[in-house]
């Protein structure tokens, strides 16, 4: 079952679990590239870097999934893209708190919130980035 298969505003635990798994996968992939690009001095340093980045991305996925679902329930507007903006913004704020930088949190909030908003709006309206053109 995928993230889009669960109706919005229902089964928050399942949606959060799916978003957490996706965040973990992205964190592992990003960590691998980072370790290859910037060689650590020791194996322990490589493991610490990989764990830190992966846990951060997994946490951001969990925050996004739970916030989006709870916002959809609280607002009683399950398909509103604004719920996704709030979830993305919450993830960005966490990133700012993690880095101890208010500007990172503000920028992350706006960037991730906007990205999530347009992802949901595009999904609802059938936007496509790849594939053959519709004629």
N, C-alpha and C. Protein backbone atom coordinates (compact mmCIF):
# COMPACT_ATOMS: atom_id res chain seq x y z
N UNK A 1 0.84 -1.16 0.00
CA UNK A 1 0.00 0.00 0.00
C UNK A 1 0.90 1.24 0.00
N UNK A 2 0.58 2.21 -0.83
CA UNK A 2 1.37 3.42 -0.94
C UNK A 2 0.74 4.58 -0.20
N UNK A 3 1.48 5.66 -0.13
CA UNK A 3 1.04 6.85 0.60
C UNK A 3 -0.26 7.40 0.03
N UNK A 4 -0.37 7.43 -1.28
CA UNK A 4 -1.57 8.01 -1.91
C UNK A 4 -2.76 7.07 -1.83
N UNK A 5 -2.55 5.81 -1.47
CA UNK A 5 -3.66 4.85 -1.39
C UNK A 5 -4.50 5.03 -0.13
N UNK A 6 -3.92 5.58 0.92
CA UNK A 6 -4.65 5.80 2.17
C UNK A 6 -5.40 7.13 2.05
N UNK A 7 -6.71 7.14 2.29
CA UNK A 7 -7.46 8.40 2.19
C UNK A 7 -6.91 9.45 3.16
N UNK A 8 -6.93 10.70 2.72
CA UNK A 8 -6.42 11.80 3.54
C UNK A 8 -7.23 11.94 4.83
N UNK A 9 -6.55 12.18 5.93
CA UNK A 9 -7.21 12.39 7.21
C UNK A 9 -7.64 11.12 7.91
N UNK A 10 -7.30 9.97 7.35
CA UNK A 10 -7.65 8.70 7.99
C UNK A 10 -6.37 7.88 8.18
N UNK A 11 -6.39 7.02 9.14
CA UNK A 11 -5.28 6.10 9.41
C UNK A 11 -3.93 6.83 9.46
N UNK A 12 -3.85 7.76 10.41
CA UNK A 12 -2.64 8.59 10.54
C UNK A 12 -1.39 7.76 10.83
N UNK A 13 -1.55 6.67 11.55
CA UNK A 13 -0.39 5.84 11.87
C UNK A 13 0.19 5.23 10.59
N UNK A 14 -0.67 4.72 9.73
CA UNK A 14 -0.21 4.12 8.47
C UNK A 14 0.47 5.14 7.58
N UNK A 15 -0.15 6.32 7.44
CA UNK A 15 0.44 7.37 6.60
C UNK A 15 1.77 7.84 7.17
N UNK A 16 1.86 7.95 8.47
CA UNK A 16 3.11 8.36 9.11
C UNK A 16 4.18 7.30 8.90
N UNK A 17 3.82 6.04 9.02
CA UNK A 17 4.78 4.95 8.83
C UNK A 17 5.32 4.96 7.40
N UNK A 18 4.45 5.16 6.42
CA UNK A 18 4.88 5.19 5.03
C UNK A 18 5.82 6.38 4.79
N UNK A 19 5.47 7.56 5.32
CA UNK A 19 6.32 8.74 5.15
C UNK A 19 7.66 8.57 5.86
N UNK A 20 7.65 7.89 7.00
CA UNK A 20 8.89 7.64 7.74
C UNK A 20 9.80 6.70 6.95
N UNK A 21 9.21 5.66 6.36
CA UNK A 21 10.02 4.73 5.54
C UNK A 21 10.62 5.45 4.34
N UNK A 22 9.85 6.31 3.71
CA UNK A 22 10.36 7.05 2.56
C UNK A 22 11.49 7.99 2.99
N UNK A 23 11.30 8.69 4.11
CA UNK A 23 12.35 9.56 4.63
C UNK A 23 13.61 8.80 4.98
N UNK A 24 13.45 7.61 5.55
CA UNK A 24 14.60 6.78 5.88
C UNK A 24 15.36 6.36 4.63
N UNK A 25 14.63 5.96 3.60
CA UNK A 25 15.27 5.56 2.35
C UNK A 25 16.02 6.73 1.72
N UNK A 26 15.40 7.89 1.70
CA UNK A 26 16.07 9.07 1.14
C UNK A 26 17.30 9.44 1.97
N UNK A 27 17.20 9.29 3.29
CA UNK A 27 18.35 9.57 4.16
C UNK A 27 19.50 8.62 3.91
N UNK A 28 19.20 7.35 3.72
CA UNK A 28 20.25 6.37 3.43
C UNK A 28 20.92 6.64 2.09
N UNK A 29 20.12 6.95 1.08
CA UNK A 29 20.68 7.25 -0.24
C UNK A 29 21.53 8.51 -0.20
N UNK A 30 21.00 9.56 0.44
CA UNK A 30 21.77 10.80 0.56
C UNK A 30 23.05 10.61 1.35
N UNK A 31 22.99 9.81 2.41
CA UNK A 31 24.18 9.53 3.21
C UNK A 31 25.24 8.81 2.41
N UNK A 32 24.80 7.86 1.61
CA UNK A 32 25.76 7.11 0.79
C UNK A 32 26.48 8.04 -0.18
N UNK A 33 25.74 8.89 -0.85
CA UNK A 33 26.36 9.84 -1.76
C UNK A 33 27.30 10.80 -1.03
N UNK A 34 26.88 11.26 0.14
CA UNK A 34 27.70 12.20 0.90
C UNK A 34 29.00 11.54 1.36
N UNK A 35 28.93 10.30 1.79
CA UNK A 35 30.12 9.60 2.25
C UNK A 35 31.08 9.34 1.09
N UNK A 36 30.54 9.05 -0.09
CA UNK A 36 31.40 8.84 -1.26
C UNK A 36 32.04 10.16 -1.69
N UNK A 37 31.26 11.24 -1.68
CA UNK A 37 31.77 12.53 -2.14
C UNK A 37 32.76 13.15 -1.16
N UNK A 38 32.49 12.99 0.13
CA UNK A 38 33.35 13.56 1.17
C UNK A 38 33.83 12.42 2.06
N UNK A 39 34.94 11.83 1.69
CA UNK A 39 35.47 10.64 2.37
C UNK A 39 35.74 10.92 3.85
N UNK A 40 35.15 10.13 4.74
CA UNK A 40 35.45 10.27 6.17
C UNK A 40 36.82 9.69 6.49
N UNK A 41 37.38 10.14 7.60
CA UNK A 41 38.70 9.65 8.01
C UNK A 41 38.65 8.24 8.60
N UNK A 42 37.55 7.91 9.27
CA UNK A 42 37.43 6.60 9.89
C UNK A 42 36.07 5.98 9.55
N UNK A 43 35.98 4.69 9.77
CA UNK A 43 34.71 3.99 9.55
C UNK A 43 33.66 4.46 10.56
N UNK A 44 34.10 4.75 11.78
CA UNK A 44 33.18 5.24 12.80
C UNK A 44 32.56 6.57 12.39
N UNK A 45 33.37 7.45 11.85
CA UNK A 45 32.85 8.74 11.38
C UNK A 45 31.84 8.55 10.26
N UNK A 46 32.08 7.59 9.38
CA UNK A 46 31.14 7.30 8.29
C UNK A 46 29.81 6.81 8.84
N UNK A 47 29.86 5.92 9.82
CA UNK A 47 28.63 5.39 10.42
C UNK A 47 27.88 6.50 11.15
N UNK A 48 28.60 7.36 11.87
CA UNK A 48 27.95 8.46 12.58
C UNK A 48 27.27 9.41 11.62
N UNK A 49 27.94 9.76 10.54
CA UNK A 49 27.35 10.65 9.54
C UNK A 49 26.10 10.04 8.91
N UNK A 50 26.22 8.77 8.54
CA UNK A 50 25.09 8.09 7.91
C UNK A 50 23.91 8.00 8.87
N UNK A 51 24.18 7.66 10.11
CA UNK A 51 23.10 7.54 11.10
C UNK A 51 22.44 8.88 11.36
N UNK A 52 23.23 9.92 11.49
CA UNK A 52 22.69 11.25 11.77
C UNK A 52 21.78 11.73 10.64
N UNK A 53 22.25 11.62 9.41
CA UNK A 53 21.45 12.07 8.28
C UNK A 53 20.20 11.22 8.09
N UNK A 54 20.34 9.92 8.28
CA UNK A 54 19.20 9.02 8.08
C UNK A 54 18.13 9.24 9.15
N UNK A 55 18.55 9.40 10.38
CA UNK A 55 17.59 9.64 11.47
C UNK A 55 16.90 10.99 11.26
N UNK A 56 17.63 11.99 10.82
CA UNK A 56 17.04 13.30 10.57
C UNK A 56 15.97 13.21 9.49
N UNK A 57 16.28 12.54 8.38
CA UNK A 57 15.32 12.41 7.28
C UNK A 57 14.12 11.55 7.69
N UNK A 58 14.35 10.50 8.45
CA UNK A 58 13.25 9.66 8.93
C UNK A 58 12.32 10.47 9.84
N UNK A 59 12.91 11.28 10.69
CA UNK A 59 12.12 12.11 11.59
C UNK A 59 11.32 13.15 10.81
N UNK A 60 11.93 13.74 9.80
CA UNK A 60 11.21 14.70 8.97
C UNK A 60 10.03 14.03 8.27
N UNK A 61 10.22 12.80 7.80
CA UNK A 61 9.12 12.07 7.18
C UNK A 61 7.99 11.80 8.16
N UNK A 62 8.35 11.41 9.38
CA UNK A 62 7.34 11.15 10.41
C UNK A 62 6.59 12.42 10.77
N UNK A 63 7.31 13.52 10.92
CA UNK A 63 6.66 14.79 11.26
C UNK A 63 5.72 15.20 10.13
N UNK A 64 6.17 15.07 8.88
CA UNK A 64 5.32 15.42 7.75
C UNK A 64 4.05 14.57 7.72
N UNK A 65 4.21 13.26 7.83
CA UNK A 65 3.06 12.36 7.75
C UNK A 65 2.04 12.62 8.85
N UNK A 66 2.52 12.75 10.07
CA UNK A 66 1.60 12.96 11.19
C UNK A 66 0.95 14.34 11.14
N UNK A 67 1.73 15.37 10.85
CA UNK A 67 1.18 16.72 10.81
C UNK A 67 0.15 16.87 9.70
N UNK A 68 0.45 16.34 8.54
CA UNK A 68 -0.48 16.42 7.42
C UNK A 68 -1.79 15.72 7.75
N UNK A 69 -1.71 14.55 8.32
CA UNK A 69 -2.91 13.79 8.65
C UNK A 69 -3.73 14.46 9.75
N UNK A 70 -3.05 14.90 10.80
CA UNK A 70 -3.77 15.55 11.89
C UNK A 70 -4.38 16.89 11.47
N UNK A 71 -3.69 17.61 10.60
CA UNK A 71 -4.23 18.87 10.09
C UNK A 71 -5.47 18.61 9.26
N UNK A 72 -5.44 17.55 8.45
CA UNK A 72 -6.61 17.20 7.64
C UNK A 72 -7.80 16.86 8.53
N UNK A 73 -7.55 16.17 9.64
CA UNK A 73 -8.63 15.83 10.56
C UNK A 73 -9.15 17.06 11.30
N UNK A 74 -8.24 17.90 11.78
CA UNK A 74 -8.64 19.06 12.57
C UNK A 74 -9.39 20.09 11.72
N UNK A 75 -8.98 20.29 10.49
CA UNK A 75 -9.60 21.28 9.62
C UNK A 75 -10.84 20.74 8.93
N UNK A 76 -11.06 19.45 9.01
CA UNK A 76 -12.18 18.80 8.33
C UNK A 76 -12.19 19.12 6.84
N UNK A 77 -10.99 19.24 6.27
CA UNK A 77 -10.81 19.46 4.84
C UNK A 77 -9.70 18.53 4.37
N UNK A 78 -10.02 17.25 4.22
CA UNK A 78 -8.96 16.27 3.99
C UNK A 78 -8.17 16.46 2.70
N UNK A 79 -8.76 16.96 1.64
CA UNK A 79 -8.04 17.05 0.37
C UNK A 79 -7.48 18.43 0.09
N UNK A 80 -7.43 19.30 1.08
CA UNK A 80 -6.91 20.65 0.88
C UNK A 80 -5.38 20.62 0.85
N UNK A 81 -4.76 21.19 -0.19
CA UNK A 81 -3.29 21.23 -0.25
C UNK A 81 -2.66 22.02 0.90
N UNK A 82 -3.43 22.85 1.57
CA UNK A 82 -2.89 23.60 2.70
C UNK A 82 -2.43 22.66 3.82
N UNK A 83 -3.07 21.51 3.95
CA UNK A 83 -2.64 20.52 4.94
C UNK A 83 -1.21 20.08 4.65
N UNK A 84 -0.89 19.93 3.39
CA UNK A 84 0.45 19.53 2.99
C UNK A 84 1.45 20.65 3.23
N UNK A 85 1.01 21.89 3.03
CA UNK A 85 1.90 23.02 3.34
C UNK A 85 2.26 23.00 4.81
N UNK A 86 1.28 22.79 5.67
CA UNK A 86 1.53 22.77 7.11
C UNK A 86 2.48 21.62 7.47
N UNK A 87 2.29 20.45 6.88
CA UNK A 87 3.18 19.31 7.14
C UNK A 87 4.60 19.59 6.68
N UNK A 88 4.75 20.14 5.49
CA UNK A 88 6.08 20.49 4.99
C UNK A 88 6.74 21.56 5.84
N UNK A 89 5.95 22.53 6.26
CA UNK A 89 6.47 23.60 7.10
C UNK A 89 6.95 23.04 8.44
N UNK A 90 6.19 22.14 9.02
CA UNK A 90 6.59 21.54 10.29
C UNK A 90 7.91 20.78 10.14
N UNK A 91 8.08 20.09 9.02
CA UNK A 91 9.34 19.38 8.78
C UNK A 91 10.50 20.36 8.64
N UNK A 92 10.26 21.49 7.96
CA UNK A 92 11.29 22.51 7.82
C UNK A 92 11.67 23.13 9.15
N UNK A 93 10.68 23.34 10.00
CA UNK A 93 10.96 23.90 11.33
C UNK A 93 11.81 22.92 12.14
N UNK A 94 11.51 21.62 12.02
CA UNK A 94 12.34 20.62 12.70
C UNK A 94 13.78 20.69 12.21
N UNK A 95 13.95 20.85 10.90
CA UNK A 95 15.30 20.94 10.35
C UNK A 95 16.04 22.14 10.92
N UNK A 96 15.34 23.27 11.07
CA UNK A 96 15.96 24.45 11.69
C UNK A 96 16.33 24.19 13.14
N UNK A 97 15.46 23.50 13.87
CA UNK A 97 15.77 23.18 15.27
C UNK A 97 16.95 22.21 15.35
N UNK A 98 17.01 21.29 14.42
CA UNK A 98 18.10 20.31 14.40
C UNK A 98 19.45 20.97 14.14
N UNK A 99 19.46 21.99 13.28
CA UNK A 99 20.70 22.68 12.94
C UNK A 99 20.96 23.89 13.84
N UNK A 100 20.03 24.18 14.75
CA UNK A 100 20.13 25.34 15.65
C UNK A 100 20.26 26.64 14.86
N UNK A 101 19.45 26.75 13.79
CA UNK A 101 19.54 27.91 12.93
C UNK A 101 18.13 28.33 12.53
N UNK A 102 17.72 29.52 12.98
CA UNK A 102 16.37 30.00 12.69
C UNK A 102 16.16 30.25 11.21
N UNK A 103 17.20 30.71 10.52
CA UNK A 103 17.05 30.97 9.09
C UNK A 103 16.85 29.66 8.32
N UNK A 104 17.54 28.61 8.73
CA UNK A 104 17.34 27.30 8.10
C UNK A 104 15.92 26.82 8.33
N UNK A 105 15.41 27.02 9.53
CA UNK A 105 14.03 26.62 9.84
C UNK A 105 13.01 27.41 9.04
N UNK A 106 13.23 28.71 8.92
CA UNK A 106 12.31 29.55 8.16
C UNK A 106 12.33 29.18 6.68
N UNK A 107 13.52 29.06 6.14
CA UNK A 107 13.65 28.70 4.73
C UNK A 107 13.11 27.30 4.47
N UNK A 108 13.44 26.37 5.37
CA UNK A 108 12.94 25.00 5.24
C UNK A 108 11.42 24.95 5.30
N UNK A 109 10.84 25.72 6.21
CA UNK A 109 9.39 25.78 6.33
C UNK A 109 8.75 26.24 5.03
N UNK A 110 9.24 27.34 4.50
CA UNK A 110 8.67 27.88 3.26
C UNK A 110 8.92 26.97 2.07
N UNK A 111 10.15 26.47 1.94
CA UNK A 111 10.49 25.63 0.78
C UNK A 111 9.77 24.29 0.82
N UNK A 112 9.84 23.58 1.94
CA UNK A 112 9.21 22.27 2.02
C UNK A 112 7.69 22.39 2.01
N UNK A 113 7.17 23.42 2.66
CA UNK A 113 5.72 23.65 2.63
C UNK A 113 5.21 23.92 1.23
N UNK A 114 5.93 24.76 0.49
CA UNK A 114 5.53 25.06 -0.89
C UNK A 114 5.64 23.84 -1.78
N UNK A 115 6.73 23.09 -1.63
CA UNK A 115 6.91 21.87 -2.41
C UNK A 115 5.78 20.87 -2.14
N UNK A 116 5.44 20.68 -0.87
CA UNK A 116 4.37 19.76 -0.51
C UNK A 116 3.02 20.25 -1.03
N UNK A 117 2.78 21.56 -0.92
CA UNK A 117 1.53 22.14 -1.41
C UNK A 117 1.35 21.86 -2.89
N UNK A 118 2.38 22.14 -3.68
CA UNK A 118 2.27 21.94 -5.12
C UNK A 118 2.27 20.46 -5.50
N UNK A 119 2.90 19.62 -4.69
CA UNK A 119 2.83 18.18 -4.94
C UNK A 119 1.39 17.69 -4.79
N UNK A 120 0.72 18.12 -3.73
CA UNK A 120 -0.67 17.72 -3.51
C UNK A 120 -1.58 18.33 -4.57
N UNK A 121 -1.39 19.62 -4.88
CA UNK A 121 -2.22 20.26 -5.89
C UNK A 121 -2.02 19.58 -7.25
N UNK A 122 -0.80 19.25 -7.58
CA UNK A 122 -0.52 18.56 -8.83
C UNK A 122 -1.14 17.18 -8.88
N UNK A 123 -1.10 16.49 -7.76
CA UNK A 123 -1.71 15.16 -7.68
C UNK A 123 -3.22 15.25 -7.89
N UNK A 124 -3.84 16.25 -7.28
CA UNK A 124 -5.29 16.43 -7.39
C UNK A 124 -5.70 16.82 -8.82
N UNK A 125 -4.88 17.62 -9.48
CA UNK A 125 -5.24 18.13 -10.80
C UNK A 125 -4.66 17.30 -11.95
N UNK A 126 -3.90 16.26 -11.61
CA UNK A 126 -3.37 15.37 -12.63
C UNK A 126 -2.15 15.88 -13.37
N UNK A 127 -1.37 16.74 -12.74
CA UNK A 127 -0.14 17.22 -13.38
C UNK A 127 0.80 16.06 -13.55
N UNK A 128 1.58 16.07 -14.65
CA UNK A 128 2.55 15.02 -14.90
C UNK A 128 3.88 15.65 -15.26
N UNK A 129 4.95 15.09 -14.73
CA UNK A 129 6.29 15.57 -15.05
C UNK A 129 7.00 14.69 -16.07
N UNK A 130 6.56 13.43 -16.16
CA UNK A 130 7.20 12.48 -17.06
C UNK A 130 6.13 11.74 -17.84
N UNK A 131 6.58 11.01 -18.82
CA UNK A 131 5.67 10.19 -19.60
C UNK A 131 5.28 10.86 -20.90
N UNK A 132 4.56 10.14 -21.72
CA UNK A 132 4.15 10.70 -23.00
C UNK A 132 3.13 11.83 -22.80
N UNK A 133 3.09 12.79 -23.70
CA UNK A 133 2.15 13.89 -23.55
C UNK A 133 0.71 13.42 -23.80
N UNK A 134 -0.22 14.08 -23.12
CA UNK A 134 -1.63 13.81 -23.37
C UNK A 134 -2.05 14.56 -24.63
N UNK A 135 -2.67 13.87 -25.53
CA UNK A 135 -3.13 14.51 -26.77
C UNK A 135 -4.63 14.57 -26.82
